[in-house]
Amino acid sequence: MKETISFEDFEKIDIRIGTIIEVTDFPKAKKPAYQLTIDFGELGIKKSSAQITDLYSKETLLNRQVTAIVNFKPRQIANFISEVLVLGVYNESENVVLLKASKSIKNGEQIS
């Protein structure tokens, strides 16, 4: 278990819903990954690198809603700038399972 944080610390994290509008291979990544382009509605279009190639094909990711942290500082991964962190959980095989809402939600809506 990680260190306990205050509710104020949690409030600093901006978690939003977005829809993947483009998926491309990321051959320069150290581990197999995709480059995702995600529509966050009024927040705009953001990019992310995601190591999710084991469980998801490009076709199954396209138009899929995902949950992401949108207020981390951008991070350079090889020749790519990742602007958001798509959220998932490692399963028993150490593959990432994406988190998603149980119903369709407007892009850009904030998790509270």
N, C-alpha and C. Protein backbone atom coordinates (compact mmCIF):
# COMPACT_ATOMS: atom_id res chain seq x y z
N MET A 1 0.84 -1.18 0.00
CA MET A 1 0.00 0.00 0.00
C MET A 1 0.89 1.24 0.00
N LYS A 2 0.43 2.26 -0.71
CA LYS A 2 1.19 3.50 -0.80
C LYS A 2 0.87 4.42 0.38
N GLU A 3 1.65 5.47 0.47
CA GLU A 3 1.49 6.47 1.52
C GLU A 3 0.09 7.08 1.48
N THR A 4 -0.47 7.34 2.65
CA THR A 4 -1.77 8.00 2.76
C THR A 4 -1.64 9.46 2.34
N ILE A 5 -2.61 9.93 1.53
CA ILE A 5 -2.61 11.32 1.11
C ILE A 5 -3.88 12.00 1.64
N SER A 6 -3.87 13.31 1.62
CA SER A 6 -5.05 14.06 2.07
C SER A 6 -6.05 14.15 0.93
N PHE A 7 -7.28 14.51 1.26
CA PHE A 7 -8.30 14.72 0.24
C PHE A 7 -7.89 15.88 -0.67
N GLU A 8 -7.22 16.87 -0.10
CA GLU A 8 -6.74 18.01 -0.89
C GLU A 8 -5.73 17.54 -1.95
N ASP A 9 -4.89 16.56 -1.60
CA ASP A 9 -3.95 16.00 -2.58
C ASP A 9 -4.72 15.34 -3.72
N PHE A 10 -5.75 14.57 -3.38
CA PHE A 10 -6.56 13.90 -4.40
C PHE A 10 -7.24 14.92 -5.32
N GLU A 11 -7.70 16.02 -4.75
CA GLU A 11 -8.40 17.04 -5.54
C GLU A 11 -7.49 17.68 -6.59
N LYS A 12 -6.19 17.57 -6.45
CA LYS A 12 -5.25 18.12 -7.43
C LYS A 12 -5.21 17.28 -8.71
N ILE A 13 -5.63 16.04 -8.63
CA ILE A 13 -5.58 15.14 -9.79
C ILE A 13 -6.82 15.38 -10.65
N ASP A 14 -6.60 15.66 -11.92
CA ASP A 14 -7.69 15.92 -12.86
C ASP A 14 -7.88 14.68 -13.73
N ILE A 15 -8.90 13.89 -13.43
CA ILE A 15 -9.18 12.65 -14.15
C ILE A 15 -10.40 12.90 -15.04
N ARG A 16 -10.25 12.61 -16.33
CA ARG A 16 -11.31 12.89 -17.30
C ARG A 16 -11.58 11.69 -18.20
N ILE A 17 -12.74 11.75 -18.83
CA ILE A 17 -13.14 10.74 -19.82
C ILE A 17 -12.83 11.29 -21.20
N GLY A 18 -12.28 10.45 -22.07
CA GLY A 18 -12.01 10.84 -23.46
C GLY A 18 -12.22 9.66 -24.38
N THR A 19 -12.32 9.94 -25.66
CA THR A 19 -12.50 8.90 -26.67
C THR A 19 -11.27 8.83 -27.56
N ILE A 20 -10.75 7.63 -27.74
CA ILE A 20 -9.59 7.42 -28.61
C ILE A 20 -10.04 7.61 -30.05
N ILE A 21 -9.38 8.55 -30.75
CA ILE A 21 -9.75 8.83 -32.14
C ILE A 21 -8.68 8.38 -33.13
N GLU A 22 -7.50 8.02 -32.62
CA GLU A 22 -6.44 7.51 -33.49
C GLU A 22 -5.51 6.62 -32.68
N VAL A 23 -5.08 5.52 -33.28
CA VAL A 23 -4.15 4.58 -32.64
C VAL A 23 -3.08 4.22 -33.66
N THR A 24 -1.81 4.39 -33.29
CA THR A 24 -0.72 4.01 -34.17
C THR A 24 0.30 3.20 -33.38
N ASP A 25 1.05 2.37 -34.09
CA ASP A 25 2.13 1.63 -33.46
C ASP A 25 3.21 2.60 -33.00
N PHE A 26 3.96 2.21 -31.99
CA PHE A 26 5.03 3.04 -31.44
C PHE A 26 6.32 2.22 -31.43
N PRO A 27 6.95 2.04 -32.60
CA PRO A 27 8.11 1.17 -32.70
C PRO A 27 9.34 1.64 -31.91
N LYS A 28 9.44 2.92 -31.59
CA LYS A 28 10.61 3.43 -30.87
C LYS A 28 10.49 3.28 -29.35
N ALA A 29 9.35 2.85 -28.85
CA ALA A 29 9.18 2.64 -27.41
C ALA A 29 10.03 1.44 -26.96
N LYS A 30 10.53 1.51 -25.72
CA LYS A 30 11.33 0.40 -25.19
C LYS A 30 10.52 -0.88 -25.07
N LYS A 31 9.27 -0.76 -24.60
CA LYS A 31 8.35 -1.89 -24.50
C LYS A 31 7.24 -1.68 -25.51
N PRO A 32 6.62 -2.74 -26.01
CA PRO A 32 5.55 -2.58 -27.01
C PRO A 32 4.47 -1.61 -26.51
N ALA A 33 4.12 -0.65 -27.37
CA ALA A 33 3.15 0.38 -26.98
C ALA A 33 2.45 0.93 -28.21
N TYR A 34 1.37 1.63 -27.96
CA TYR A 34 0.66 2.39 -28.98
C TYR A 34 0.80 3.88 -28.66
N GLN A 35 0.67 4.69 -29.70
CA GLN A 35 0.49 6.12 -29.54
C GLN A 35 -1.00 6.38 -29.73
N LEU A 36 -1.62 6.95 -28.71
CA LEU A 36 -3.06 7.21 -28.75
C LEU A 36 -3.31 8.70 -28.91
N THR A 37 -4.29 9.04 -29.72
CA THR A 37 -4.81 10.40 -29.82
C THR A 37 -6.21 10.35 -29.24
N ILE A 38 -6.46 11.20 -28.22
CA ILE A 38 -7.69 11.10 -27.44
C ILE A 38 -8.42 12.44 -27.45
N ASP A 39 -9.72 12.39 -27.71
CA ASP A 39 -10.57 13.58 -27.71
C ASP A 39 -11.16 13.77 -26.32
N PHE A 40 -10.80 14.90 -25.69
CA PHE A 40 -11.32 15.23 -24.36
C PHE A 40 -12.32 16.39 -24.43
N GLY A 41 -13.07 16.47 -25.51
CA GLY A 41 -14.11 17.49 -25.64
C GLY A 41 -13.53 18.88 -25.56
N GLU A 42 -14.06 19.71 -24.65
CA GLU A 42 -13.62 21.10 -24.51
C GLU A 42 -12.15 21.23 -24.12
N LEU A 43 -11.56 20.19 -23.54
CA LEU A 43 -10.13 20.23 -23.19
C LEU A 43 -9.25 20.06 -24.42
N GLY A 44 -9.83 19.55 -25.49
CA GLY A 44 -9.08 19.37 -26.73
C GLY A 44 -8.58 17.96 -26.94
N ILE A 45 -7.73 17.84 -27.93
CA ILE A 45 -7.14 16.57 -28.33
C ILE A 45 -5.79 16.43 -27.63
N LYS A 46 -5.58 15.28 -26.97
CA LYS A 46 -4.33 15.02 -26.25
C LYS A 46 -3.75 13.68 -26.73
N LYS A 47 -2.45 13.53 -26.53
CA LYS A 47 -1.76 12.31 -26.94
C LYS A 47 -1.23 11.55 -25.73
N SER A 48 -1.14 10.23 -25.88
CA SER A 48 -0.63 9.39 -24.81
C SER A 48 0.06 8.17 -25.40
N SER A 49 1.11 7.72 -24.72
CA SER A 49 1.74 6.45 -25.03
C SER A 49 1.18 5.43 -24.04
N ALA A 50 0.80 4.27 -24.54
CA ALA A 50 0.19 3.26 -23.65
C ALA A 50 0.71 1.87 -23.99
N GLN A 51 1.21 1.18 -22.95
CA GLN A 51 1.70 -0.19 -23.11
C GLN A 51 0.54 -1.16 -22.93
N ILE A 52 -0.33 -1.21 -23.92
CA ILE A 52 -1.55 -2.01 -23.83
C ILE A 52 -1.71 -2.95 -25.03
N THR A 53 -0.60 -3.25 -25.69
CA THR A 53 -0.66 -4.04 -26.93
C THR A 53 -1.01 -5.51 -26.69
N ASP A 54 -0.81 -6.01 -25.48
CA ASP A 54 -1.07 -7.43 -25.22
C ASP A 54 -2.57 -7.76 -25.24
N LEU A 55 -3.39 -6.87 -24.72
CA LEU A 55 -4.82 -7.15 -24.61
C LEU A 55 -5.70 -6.41 -25.61
N TYR A 56 -5.13 -5.39 -26.27
CA TYR A 56 -5.95 -4.55 -27.14
C TYR A 56 -5.33 -4.40 -28.52
N SER A 57 -6.15 -4.56 -29.53
CA SER A 57 -5.69 -4.29 -30.90
C SER A 57 -6.01 -2.84 -31.22
N LYS A 58 -5.40 -2.31 -32.26
CA LYS A 58 -5.69 -0.94 -32.67
C LYS A 58 -7.18 -0.79 -32.99
N GLU A 59 -7.74 -1.80 -33.61
CA GLU A 59 -9.15 -1.74 -34.01
C GLU A 59 -10.09 -1.70 -32.80
N THR A 60 -9.77 -2.45 -31.74
CA THR A 60 -10.66 -2.45 -30.57
C THR A 60 -10.51 -1.18 -29.73
N LEU A 61 -9.40 -0.48 -29.90
CA LEU A 61 -9.19 0.76 -29.15
C LEU A 61 -9.85 1.97 -29.82
N LEU A 62 -9.94 1.96 -31.12
CA LEU A 62 -10.49 3.09 -31.85
C LEU A 62 -11.94 3.34 -31.43
N ASN A 63 -12.25 4.57 -31.08
CA ASN A 63 -13.58 5.01 -30.62
C ASN A 63 -13.96 4.49 -29.24
N ARG A 64 -13.02 3.98 -28.50
CA ARG A 64 -13.26 3.49 -27.15
C ARG A 64 -13.05 4.63 -26.16
N GLN A 65 -13.95 4.74 -25.19
CA GLN A 65 -13.75 5.73 -24.14
C GLN A 65 -12.78 5.20 -23.10
N VAL A 66 -11.91 6.10 -22.62
CA VAL A 66 -10.93 5.75 -21.61
C VAL A 66 -10.94 6.81 -20.51
N THR A 67 -10.34 6.45 -19.40
CA THR A 67 -10.17 7.35 -18.26
C THR A 67 -8.70 7.74 -18.20
N ALA A 68 -8.42 9.04 -18.02
CA ALA A 68 -7.03 9.48 -18.03
C ALA A 68 -6.81 10.64 -17.07
N ILE A 69 -5.59 10.72 -16.55
CA ILE A 69 -5.17 11.90 -15.79
C ILE A 69 -4.65 12.90 -16.81
N VAL A 70 -5.22 14.09 -16.79
CA VAL A 70 -4.91 15.07 -17.83
C VAL A 70 -4.04 16.23 -17.35
N ASN A 71 -3.66 16.24 -16.07
CA ASN A 71 -2.88 17.38 -15.59
C ASN A 71 -1.47 17.02 -15.10
N PHE A 72 -0.92 15.90 -15.58
CA PHE A 72 0.50 15.64 -15.36
C PHE A 72 1.30 16.49 -16.34
N LYS A 73 2.56 16.79 -15.99
CA LYS A 73 3.43 17.45 -16.95
C LYS A 73 3.66 16.50 -18.12
N PRO A 74 3.70 17.02 -19.36
CA PRO A 74 4.00 16.15 -20.51
C PRO A 74 5.33 15.42 -20.31
N ARG A 75 5.40 14.21 -20.83
CA ARG A 75 6.59 13.37 -20.65
C ARG A 75 7.07 12.88 -22.01
N GLN A 76 8.36 13.03 -22.25
CA GLN A 76 8.91 12.55 -23.52
C GLN A 76 9.26 11.09 -23.41
N ILE A 77 8.72 10.31 -24.34
CA ILE A 77 9.00 8.88 -24.43
C ILE A 77 9.53 8.64 -25.83
N ALA A 78 10.83 8.35 -25.93
CA ALA A 78 11.52 8.25 -27.22
C ALA A 78 11.30 9.57 -27.97
N ASN A 79 10.73 9.51 -29.16
CA ASN A 79 10.52 10.72 -29.97
C ASN A 79 9.10 11.26 -29.85
N PHE A 80 8.38 10.92 -28.79
CA PHE A 80 6.96 11.22 -28.65
C PHE A 80 6.70 11.93 -27.32
N ILE A 81 5.84 12.94 -27.33
CA ILE A 81 5.45 13.63 -26.09
C ILE A 81 4.10 13.08 -25.64
N SER A 82 4.08 12.44 -24.48
CA SER A 82 2.85 11.90 -23.90
C SER A 82 2.28 12.96 -22.96
N GLU A 83 1.04 13.40 -23.25
CA GLU A 83 0.44 14.51 -22.52
C GLU A 83 -0.49 14.07 -21.39
N VAL A 84 -1.02 12.86 -21.46
CA VAL A 84 -1.95 12.36 -20.45
C VAL A 84 -1.58 10.93 -20.10
N LEU A 85 -2.04 10.48 -18.93
CA LEU A 85 -1.81 9.10 -18.50
C LEU A 85 -3.14 8.35 -18.52
N VAL A 86 -3.25 7.40 -19.45
CA VAL A 86 -4.45 6.56 -19.53
C VAL A 86 -4.38 5.57 -18.37
N LEU A 87 -5.49 5.40 -17.66
CA LEU A 87 -5.50 4.58 -16.45
C LEU A 87 -5.90 3.14 -16.72
N GLY A 88 -5.23 2.25 -16.03
CA GLY A 88 -5.51 0.82 -16.13
C GLY A 88 -5.00 0.11 -14.89
N VAL A 89 -5.27 -1.18 -14.85
CA VAL A 89 -4.87 -2.04 -13.74
C VAL A 89 -4.13 -3.24 -14.32
N TYR A 90 -3.04 -3.63 -13.68
CA TYR A 90 -2.34 -4.85 -14.11
C TYR A 90 -3.13 -6.07 -13.67
N ASN A 91 -3.35 -7.00 -14.61
CA ASN A 91 -4.03 -8.24 -14.25
C ASN A 91 -3.00 -9.27 -13.78
N GLU A 92 -3.45 -10.50 -13.54
CA GLU A 92 -2.56 -11.55 -13.02
C GLU A 92 -1.43 -11.90 -13.98
N SER A 93 -1.59 -11.57 -15.27
CA SER A 93 -0.55 -11.83 -16.27
C SER A 93 0.35 -10.62 -16.50
N GLU A 94 0.18 -9.59 -15.67
CA GLU A 94 0.96 -8.35 -15.77
C GLU A 94 0.66 -7.57 -17.05
N ASN A 95 -0.56 -7.73 -17.58
CA ASN A 95 -1.03 -6.94 -18.71
C ASN A 95 -1.96 -5.86 -18.19
N VAL A 96 -1.96 -4.70 -18.84
CA VAL A 96 -2.80 -3.58 -18.40
C VAL A 96 -4.22 -3.75 -18.93
N VAL A 97 -5.19 -3.69 -18.02
CA VAL A 97 -6.61 -3.68 -18.35
C VAL A 97 -7.09 -2.24 -18.15
N LEU A 98 -7.61 -1.64 -19.21
CA LEU A 98 -8.04 -0.25 -19.14
C LEU A 98 -9.24 -0.05 -18.23
N LEU A 99 -9.25 1.08 -17.52
CA LEU A 99 -10.41 1.47 -16.73
C LEU A 99 -11.36 2.24 -17.63
N LYS A 100 -12.66 2.01 -17.47
CA LYS A 100 -13.62 2.75 -18.27
C LYS A 100 -14.91 2.89 -17.48
N ALA A 101 -15.71 3.86 -17.90
CA ALA A 101 -17.02 4.08 -17.28
C ALA A 101 -17.98 2.99 -17.74
N SER A 102 -18.95 2.69 -16.92
CA SER A 102 -19.91 1.64 -17.26
C SER A 102 -20.94 2.11 -18.28
N LYS A 103 -21.07 3.41 -18.48
CA LYS A 103 -21.97 3.99 -19.48
C LYS A 103 -21.19 5.03 -20.28
N SER A 104 -21.67 5.35 -21.48
CA SER A 104 -21.05 6.38 -22.30
C SER A 104 -21.19 7.74 -21.61
N ILE A 105 -20.12 8.52 -21.64
CA ILE A 105 -20.08 9.81 -20.97
C ILE A 105 -19.54 10.84 -21.96
N LYS A 106 -19.99 12.07 -21.84
CA LYS A 106 -19.51 13.15 -22.70
C LYS A 106 -18.00 13.31 -22.53
N ASN A 107 -17.28 13.41 -23.65
CA ASN A 107 -15.83 13.60 -23.60
C ASN A 107 -15.48 14.84 -22.79
N GLY A 108 -14.47 14.70 -21.93
CA GLY A 108 -14.00 15.80 -21.12
C GLY A 108 -14.61 15.87 -19.74
N GLU A 109 -15.64 15.05 -19.49
CA GLU A 109 -16.27 15.07 -18.16
C GLU A 109 -15.25 14.65 -17.11
N GLN A 110 -15.30 15.31 -15.96
CA GLN A 110 -14.34 15.07 -14.90
C GLN A 110 -14.84 14.02 -13.94
N ILE A 111 -13.94 13.15 -13.51
CA ILE A 111 -14.25 12.15 -12.50
C ILE A 111 -14.21 12.87 -11.15
N SER A 112 -15.20 12.61 -10.33
CA SER A 112 -15.22 13.27 -9.02
C SER A 112 -15.48 12.26 -7.93
